[in-house]
Amino acid sequence: MKTFLLFLAAIVALFVFLMNVGPLILLGVGVFLLYVIFKQFVKATTTGAKVMWIILGLIVLSMTVSNLFALVGLLALYVLYVMFRRGPKEEGMPPEKNRSTQRTRDPFTNFEQQWAELNK
């Protein structure tokens, strides 16, 4: 039952992330444009250019703040990452294959032990 609930939570988180992909892209574009505008503001030498960059920065900032709810999509992506990173840890899951389990499954290992007992 716990695995089923985790699966449902993963499906819900996936849908929340997919619904917020557009706002996430616009949030990234807005942050990038704010970075570029800040760099251009620092380079500007005249007062008119600085005022223009400030006005443009405020316009882009308002666009970026309107997509702030896209952080819900980032939170959903983080939940998906944590869920799949942890992986299933139930008792019913098959054990990982390693050399010790492969040796016990090898049919010739048993045969060699019995042959050695017969030769004594």
C-alpha atoms as a PDB file:
ATOM      1  CA  MET A   1       0.000   0.000   0.000  1.00  0.00           C
ATOM      2  CA  LYS A   2       2.858   2.359   0.818  1.00  0.00           C
ATOM      3  CA  THR A   3       4.400   1.772  -2.614  1.00  0.00           C
ATOM      4  CA  PHE A   4       1.088   2.540  -4.290  1.00  0.00           C
ATOM      5  CA  LEU A   5       0.751   5.818  -2.370  1.00  0.00           C
ATOM      6  CA  LEU A   6       4.324   6.775  -3.304  1.00  0.00           C
ATOM      7  CA  PHE A   7       3.489   5.985  -6.927  1.00  0.00           C
ATOM      8  CA  LEU A   8       0.404   8.214  -6.756  1.00  0.00           C
ATOM      9  CA  ALA A   9       2.469  10.995  -5.160  1.00  0.00           C
ATOM     10  CA  ALA A  10       5.013  10.664  -7.972  1.00  0.00           C
ATOM     11  CA  ILE A  11       2.262  10.894 -10.602  1.00  0.00           C
ATOM     12  CA  VAL A  12       0.797  14.005  -8.945  1.00  0.00           C
ATOM     13  CA  ALA A  13       4.253  15.614  -8.673  1.00  0.00           C
ATOM     14  CA  LEU A  14       4.913  14.821 -12.348  1.00  0.00           C
ATOM     15  CA  PHE A  15       1.651  16.452 -13.423  1.00  0.00           C
ATOM     16  CA  VAL A  16       2.335  19.523 -11.266  1.00  0.00           C
ATOM     17  CA  PHE A  17       5.781  19.837 -12.822  1.00  0.00           C
ATOM     18  CA  LEU A  18       4.461  19.403 -16.369  1.00  0.00           C
ATOM     19  CA  MET A  19       1.765  22.016 -15.761  1.00  0.00           C
ATOM     20  CA  ASN A  20       4.433  24.509 -14.658  1.00  0.00           C
ATOM     21  CA  VAL A  21       6.979  23.954 -17.439  1.00  0.00           C
ATOM     22  CA  GLY A  22       5.864  27.079 -19.318  1.00  0.00           C
ATOM     23  CA  PRO A  23       6.044  29.383 -16.292  1.00  0.00           C
ATOM     24  CA  LEU A  24       9.393  27.805 -15.369  1.00  0.00           C
ATOM     25  CA  ILE A  25      10.788  28.673 -18.779  1.00  0.00           C
ATOM     26  CA  LEU A  26       9.464  32.228 -18.525  1.00  0.00           C
ATOM     27  CA  LEU A  27      10.909  32.545 -15.010  1.00  0.00           C
ATOM     28  CA  GLY A  28      14.312  31.467 -16.314  1.00  0.00           C
ATOM     29  CA  VAL A  29      14.111  33.883 -19.235  1.00  0.00           C
ATOM     30  CA  GLY A  30      13.103  36.689 -16.874  1.00  0.00           C
ATOM     31  CA  VAL A  31      15.996  36.025 -14.499  1.00  0.00           C
ATOM     32  CA  PHE A  32      18.416  35.911 -17.430  1.00  0.00           C
ATOM     33  CA  LEU A  33      17.064  39.188 -18.816  1.00  0.00           C
ATOM     34  CA  LEU A  34      17.366  40.815 -15.399  1.00  0.00           C
ATOM     35  CA  TYR A  35      21.014  39.720 -15.302  1.00  0.00           C
ATOM     36  CA  VAL A  36      21.651  41.187 -18.766  1.00  0.00           C
ATOM     37  CA  ILE A  37      19.847  44.423 -17.859  1.00  0.00           C
ATOM     38  CA  PHE A  38      21.891  44.759 -14.672  1.00  0.00           C
ATOM     39  CA  LYS A  39      25.141  44.277 -16.622  1.00  0.00           C
ATOM     40  CA  GLN A  40      24.055  46.901 -19.163  1.00  0.00           C
ATOM     41  CA  PHE A  41      23.045  49.264 -16.345  1.00  0.00           C
ATOM     42  CA  VAL A  42      26.515  48.980 -14.823  1.00  0.00           C
ATOM     43  CA  LYS A  43      28.143  49.642 -18.234  1.00  0.00           C
ATOM     44  CA  ALA A  44      25.958  52.690 -18.998  1.00  0.00           C
ATOM     45  CA  THR A  45      27.707  56.024 -18.631  1.00  0.00           C
ATOM     46  CA  THR A  46      24.908  58.550 -19.186  1.00  0.00           C
ATOM     47  CA  THR A  47      21.997  59.232 -16.859  1.00  0.00           C
ATOM     48  CA  GLY A  48      19.442  58.740 -19.653  1.00  0.00           C
ATOM     49  CA  ALA A  49      20.786  55.281 -20.427  1.00  0.00           C
ATOM     50  CA  LYS A  50      20.728  54.325 -16.743  1.00  0.00           C
ATOM     51  CA  VAL A  51      17.093  55.500 -16.409  1.00  0.00           C
ATOM     52  CA  MET A  52      16.152  53.512 -19.525  1.00  0.00           C
ATOM     53  CA  TRP A  53      17.777  50.348 -18.103  1.00  0.00           C
ATOM     54  CA  ILE A  54      16.003  50.868 -14.764  1.00  0.00           C
ATOM     55  CA  ILE A  55      12.609  51.201 -16.473  1.00  0.00           C
ATOM     56  CA  LEU A  56      13.287  48.155 -18.634  1.00  0.00           C
ATOM     57  CA  GLY A  57      14.459  46.264 -15.553  1.00  0.00           C
ATOM     58  CA  LEU A  58      11.238  47.097 -13.688  1.00  0.00           C
ATOM     59  CA  ILE A  59       9.164  45.849 -16.624  1.00  0.00           C
ATOM     60  CA  VAL A  60      11.097  42.584 -16.787  1.00  0.00           C
ATOM     61  CA  LEU A  61      10.973  42.263 -12.990  1.00  0.00           C
ATOM     62  CA  SER A  62       7.178  42.497 -13.059  1.00  0.00           C
ATOM     63  CA  MET A  63       7.103  39.782 -15.741  1.00  0.00           C
ATOM     64  CA  THR A  64       9.405  37.595 -13.642  1.00  0.00           C
ATOM     65  CA  VAL A  65       7.448  38.086 -10.406  1.00  0.00           C
ATOM     66  CA  SER A  66       4.227  37.086 -12.199  1.00  0.00           C
ATOM     67  CA  ASN A  67       5.811  33.674 -12.853  1.00  0.00           C
ATOM     68  CA  LEU A  68       6.955  33.196  -9.286  1.00  0.00           C
ATOM     69  CA  PHE A  69       4.382  30.440  -8.721  1.00  0.00           C
ATOM     70  CA  ALA A  70       6.546  28.361 -11.053  1.00  0.00           C
ATOM     71  CA  LEU A  71       8.586  27.591  -7.944  1.00  0.00           C
ATOM     72  CA  VAL A  72       5.823  25.069  -7.167  1.00  0.00           C
ATOM     73  CA  GLY A  73       6.967  23.248 -10.303  1.00  0.00           C
ATOM     74  CA  LEU A  74      10.548  23.272  -9.051  1.00  0.00           C
ATOM     75  CA  LEU A  75       9.374  21.890  -5.716  1.00  0.00           C
ATOM     76  CA  ALA A  76       7.495  19.115  -7.531  1.00  0.00           C
ATOM     77  CA  LEU A  77      10.626  18.312  -9.541  1.00  0.00           C
ATOM     78  CA  TYR A  78      12.642  18.114  -6.324  1.00  0.00           C
ATOM     79  CA  VAL A  79      10.058  15.748  -4.807  1.00  0.00           C
ATOM     80  CA  LEU A  80      10.327  13.519  -7.878  1.00  0.00           C
ATOM     81  CA  TYR A  81      14.114  13.561  -7.625  1.00  0.00           C
ATOM     82  CA  VAL A  82      14.058  12.580  -3.957  1.00  0.00           C
ATOM     83  CA  MET A  83      11.509   9.826  -4.534  1.00  0.00           C
ATOM     84  CA  PHE A  84      13.410   8.207  -7.378  1.00  0.00           C
ATOM     85  CA  ARG A  85      16.790   8.679  -5.711  1.00  0.00           C
ATOM     86  CA  ARG A  86      15.607   6.838  -2.621  1.00  0.00           C
ATOM     87  CA  GLY A  87      14.140   3.982  -4.667  1.00  0.00           C
ATOM     88  CA  PRO A  88      12.101   1.039  -3.427  1.00  0.00           C
ATOM     89  CA  LYS A  89      13.330  -0.443  -0.141  1.00  0.00           C
ATOM     90  CA  GLU A  90      10.791  -3.123   0.624  1.00  0.00           C
ATOM     91  CA  GLU A  91      11.394  -6.656   1.787  1.00  0.00           C
ATOM     92  CA  GLY A  92       9.643  -8.138  -1.236  1.00  0.00           C
ATOM     93  CA  MET A  93      12.151  -6.689  -3.674  1.00  0.00           C
ATOM     94  CA  PRO A  94      14.723  -9.093  -5.153  1.00  0.00           C
ATOM     95  CA  PRO A  95      18.257  -8.747  -3.773  1.00  0.00           C
ATOM     96  CA  GLU A  96      20.953  -7.161  -5.857  1.00  0.00           C
ATOM     97  CA  LYS A  97      23.128  -9.549  -7.792  1.00  0.00           C
ATOM     98  CA  ASN A  98      26.669  -9.733  -6.562  1.00  0.00           C
ATOM     99  CA  ARG A  99      29.401 -12.324  -6.703  1.00  0.00           C
ATOM    100  CA  SER A 100      28.399 -14.151  -3.521  1.00  0.00           C
ATOM    101  CA  THR A 101      24.828 -14.756  -4.746  1.00  0.00           C
ATOM    102  CA  GLN A 102      26.091 -15.819  -8.159  1.00  0.00           C
ATOM    103  CA  ARG A 103      28.373 -18.420  -6.573  1.00  0.00           C
ATOM    104  CA  THR A 104      25.523 -20.004  -4.647  1.00  0.00           C
ATOM    105  CA  ARG A 105      23.398 -20.174  -7.782  1.00  0.00           C
ATOM    106  CA  ASP A 106      26.150 -21.798  -9.818  1.00  0.00           C
ATOM    107  CA  PRO A 107      25.162 -25.473 -10.314  1.00  0.00           C
ATOM    108  CA  PHE A 108      28.773 -26.600 -10.732  1.00  0.00           C
ATOM    109  CA  THR A 109      29.776 -25.343  -7.280  1.00  0.00           C
ATOM    110  CA  ASN A 110      27.510 -27.889  -5.665  1.00  0.00           C
ATOM    111  CA  PHE A 111      28.707 -30.614  -8.057  1.00  0.00           C
ATOM    112  CA  GLU A 112      32.374 -29.941  -7.253  1.00  0.00           C
ATOM    113  CA  GLN A 113      31.691 -30.143  -3.507  1.00  0.00           C
ATOM    114  CA  GLN A 114      29.884 -33.484  -3.879  1.00  0.00           C
ATOM    115  CA  TRP A 115      32.620 -34.851  -6.189  1.00  0.00           C
ATOM    116  CA  ALA A 116      35.250 -33.922  -3.601  1.00  0.00           C
ATOM    117  CA  GLU A 117      33.283 -35.774  -0.901  1.00  0.00           C
ATOM    118  CA  LEU A 118      33.005 -38.895  -3.093  1.00  0.00           C
ATOM    119  CA  ASN A 119      36.767 -38.922  -3.821  1.00  0.00           C
ATOM    120  CA  LYS A 120      37.700 -38.998  -0.127  1.00  0.00           C
END
